[in-house]
Protein backbone atom coordinates (compact mmCIF):
# COMPACT_ATOMS: atom_id res chain seq x y z
CA MET A 1 89.50 116.35 31.52
CA PRO A 2 92.70 114.30 31.87
CA THR A 3 94.90 113.81 28.84
CA ARG A 4 95.26 110.06 29.40
CA LEU A 5 92.81 107.36 28.45
CA THR A 6 90.81 105.68 31.18
CA ARG A 7 90.86 101.89 31.47
CA PRO A 8 87.71 101.38 29.36
CA GLY A 9 89.08 103.76 26.71
CA THR A 10 92.37 101.88 26.67
CA LEU A 11 90.46 98.62 26.37
CA ALA A 12 88.51 99.97 23.38
CA TYR A 13 91.74 101.06 21.70
CA ALA A 14 93.33 97.66 22.43
CA LEU A 15 90.35 95.87 20.91
CA ILE A 16 90.59 97.94 17.73
CA THR A 17 94.35 97.31 17.64
CA LEU A 18 93.78 93.56 17.81
CA LEU A 19 91.08 93.69 15.12
CA LEU A 20 93.33 95.70 12.81
CA ALA A 21 96.24 93.31 13.45
CA TYR A 22 93.95 90.42 12.58
CA GLN A 23 92.99 92.22 9.37
CA VAL A 24 96.68 92.62 8.47
CA VAL A 25 97.26 88.88 8.93
CA TYR A 26 94.08 88.11 6.98
CA MET A 27 95.16 90.35 4.11
CA VAL A 28 98.59 88.76 3.91
CA ARG A 29 97.11 85.27 3.82
CA PHE A 30 94.15 86.10 1.53
CA ASP A 31 95.03 84.78 -1.91
CA GLY A 32 92.13 86.49 -3.65
CA ILE A 33 93.73 89.93 -3.69
CA TRP A 34 97.35 89.01 -4.42
CA GLY A 35 96.71 86.94 -7.53
CA THR A 36 94.54 89.48 -9.36
CA GLY A 37 97.35 91.44 -10.98
CA LYS A 38 96.50 94.48 -8.87
CA THR A 39 99.21 94.02 -6.29
CA TRP A 40 99.72 97.78 -6.03
CA ALA A 41 96.22 98.16 -4.61
CA ALA A 42 96.64 95.20 -2.29
CA ALA A 43 99.96 96.55 -1.05
CA CYS A 44 98.44 100.01 -0.49
CA LEU A 45 95.57 98.50 1.48
CA LEU A 46 97.94 96.41 3.54
CA LEU A 47 100.09 99.44 4.29
CA VAL A 48 97.09 101.57 5.28
CA VAL A 49 95.75 98.93 7.65
CA LEU A 50 99.22 98.31 9.09
CA ILE A 51 99.76 102.02 9.77
CA SER A 52 96.31 102.25 11.38
CA ALA A 53 97.11 99.27 13.60
CA VAL A 54 100.42 100.82 14.64
CA LEU A 55 98.72 104.15 15.34
CA PHE A 56 96.13 102.52 17.60
CA GLY A 57 98.82 100.32 19.18
CA VAL A 58 100.99 103.29 20.11
CA ALA A 59 97.95 105.12 21.48
CA THR A 60 96.99 102.05 23.51
CA ILE A 61 100.43 101.52 25.00
CA SER A 62 100.96 105.20 25.82
CA ARG A 63 97.30 105.63 26.91
CA THR A 64 97.17 108.77 24.78
CA PRO A 65 93.87 109.50 23.03
CA LEU A 66 93.90 110.01 19.27
CA PHE A 67 91.40 112.85 19.61
CA GLY A 68 90.95 115.38 22.37
CA ASP A 69 92.17 118.54 24.02
CA GLY A 70 95.69 117.41 24.90
CA ASP A 71 98.91 118.82 23.56
CA HIS A 72 100.49 115.50 22.60
CA LEU A 73 101.38 115.13 18.95
CA LEU A 74 99.33 111.93 18.80
CA THR A 75 96.28 113.67 20.25
CA ARG A 76 96.48 116.64 17.91
CA PHE A 77 97.07 114.79 14.65
CA GLY A 78 96.12 111.16 15.33
CA ALA A 79 92.48 111.47 14.30
CA LEU A 80 93.38 113.43 11.17
CA VAL A 81 95.89 110.78 10.12
CA LEU A 82 93.34 108.04 10.81
CA VAL A 83 90.64 109.78 8.76
CA GLY A 84 93.12 110.36 5.93
CA LEU A 85 94.17 106.71 5.95
CA THR A 86 90.55 105.56 5.86
CA VAL A 87 89.73 107.85 2.94
CA LEU A 88 92.84 106.61 1.13
CA ALA A 89 91.81 102.98 1.74
CA LEU A 90 88.31 103.63 0.45
CA ALA A 91 89.73 105.32 -2.65
CA VAL A 92 92.05 102.37 -3.30
CA VAL A 93 89.16 99.93 -2.93
CA MET A 94 87.00 101.99 -5.25
CA PHE A 95 89.62 102.59 -7.96
CA GLY A 96 91.47 99.31 -7.50
CA GLY A 97 88.46 97.16 -8.23
CA PHE A 98 88.24 95.46 -4.84
CA GLU A 99 84.55 96.08 -4.24
CA ASP A 100 84.10 92.59 -2.80
CA PHE A 101 86.94 93.04 -0.34
CA GLY A 102 85.58 94.63 2.81
CA LEU A 103 87.61 97.01 4.91
CA TRP A 104 86.11 95.99 8.19
CA PRO A 105 87.32 96.95 10.86
CA SER A 106 89.46 99.76 9.45
CA SER A 107 86.49 101.76 8.19
CA PRO A 108 84.52 101.73 11.48
CA ALA A 109 87.77 102.20 13.44
CA VAL A 110 87.83 105.83 12.34
CA PHE A 111 84.89 106.53 14.68
CA VAL A 112 86.46 104.97 17.79
CA PRO A 113 88.61 107.94 18.91
CA PHE A 114 85.67 110.31 18.65
CA GLY A 115 83.32 107.93 20.48
CA VAL A 116 85.83 107.20 23.24
CA ASN A 117 86.46 110.93 23.67
CA ARG A 118 82.73 111.59 23.96
CA LEU A 119 82.21 108.80 26.50
CA GLU A 120 85.19 109.85 28.61
CA ARG A 121 84.08 113.48 28.56
CA ALA A 122 80.62 112.42 29.80
CA TYR A 123 82.24 110.25 32.49
CA PHE A 124 84.40 113.07 33.83
CA GLU A 125 81.47 115.49 33.76
CA GLY A 126 79.52 112.99 35.86
CA VAL A 127 82.42 112.64 38.30
CA ASP A 128 82.65 116.43 38.66
CA GLU A 129 78.89 116.68 39.19
CA THR A 130 79.02 113.99 41.89
CA ARG A 131 81.87 115.79 43.65
CA ARG A 132 79.98 119.07 43.58
CA ALA A 133 76.85 117.39 44.96
CA ALA A 134 78.88 115.74 47.74
CA ALA A 135 80.53 119.06 48.61
CA ALA A 136 77.12 120.77 48.70
CA ALA A 137 75.75 118.02 50.97
CA ARG A 138 78.71 118.44 53.34
CA ALA A 139 78.19 122.20 53.38
CA GLU A 140 74.52 121.73 54.31
CA ASP A 141 75.46 119.43 57.19
CA LEU A 142 77.66 122.10 58.73
C-alpha cells in the first residue's frame, strides 16, 4: 500500500480541515463561552481545535496519512496526537462546565484517519486483485 493519500483520501482530509477551521472561527466569535468567566476552558478548547485543524491541514497538503504503515513522523504519531487532543477536549468540556457547547466536528474527526486508511487499504487490495485476474486471463490466452 502506498504511503501517500489517494485523491478521495486527500479530499476527506481537506473537508475535515475546513470543518475544523470553521469551528475555530465559530469559537472565536461565539460570545457564550468567552463571557462565562471560564476563559481558561474556552482557550484550551480553541487551542485543541486549532492544533487539530493544523494537523489535518499539514496531512492534507503533504498527502501523508495520519494513520498507516508508513515511516513518516506524521503517519506514526498523527493519530495518537489526534486521539489525545480529542480526549483532552472532552475532559475540558466535562470539567469546564461547557456541556451545551458541542465539539462537532472535532470529536468525529478522530475517526477519519482510521476510516480513510481502511477504505484505501480495501481500494488497493481490489486493484491488486484486478491485476492478478488480468494477468491470469492473459496467461490463459497464451
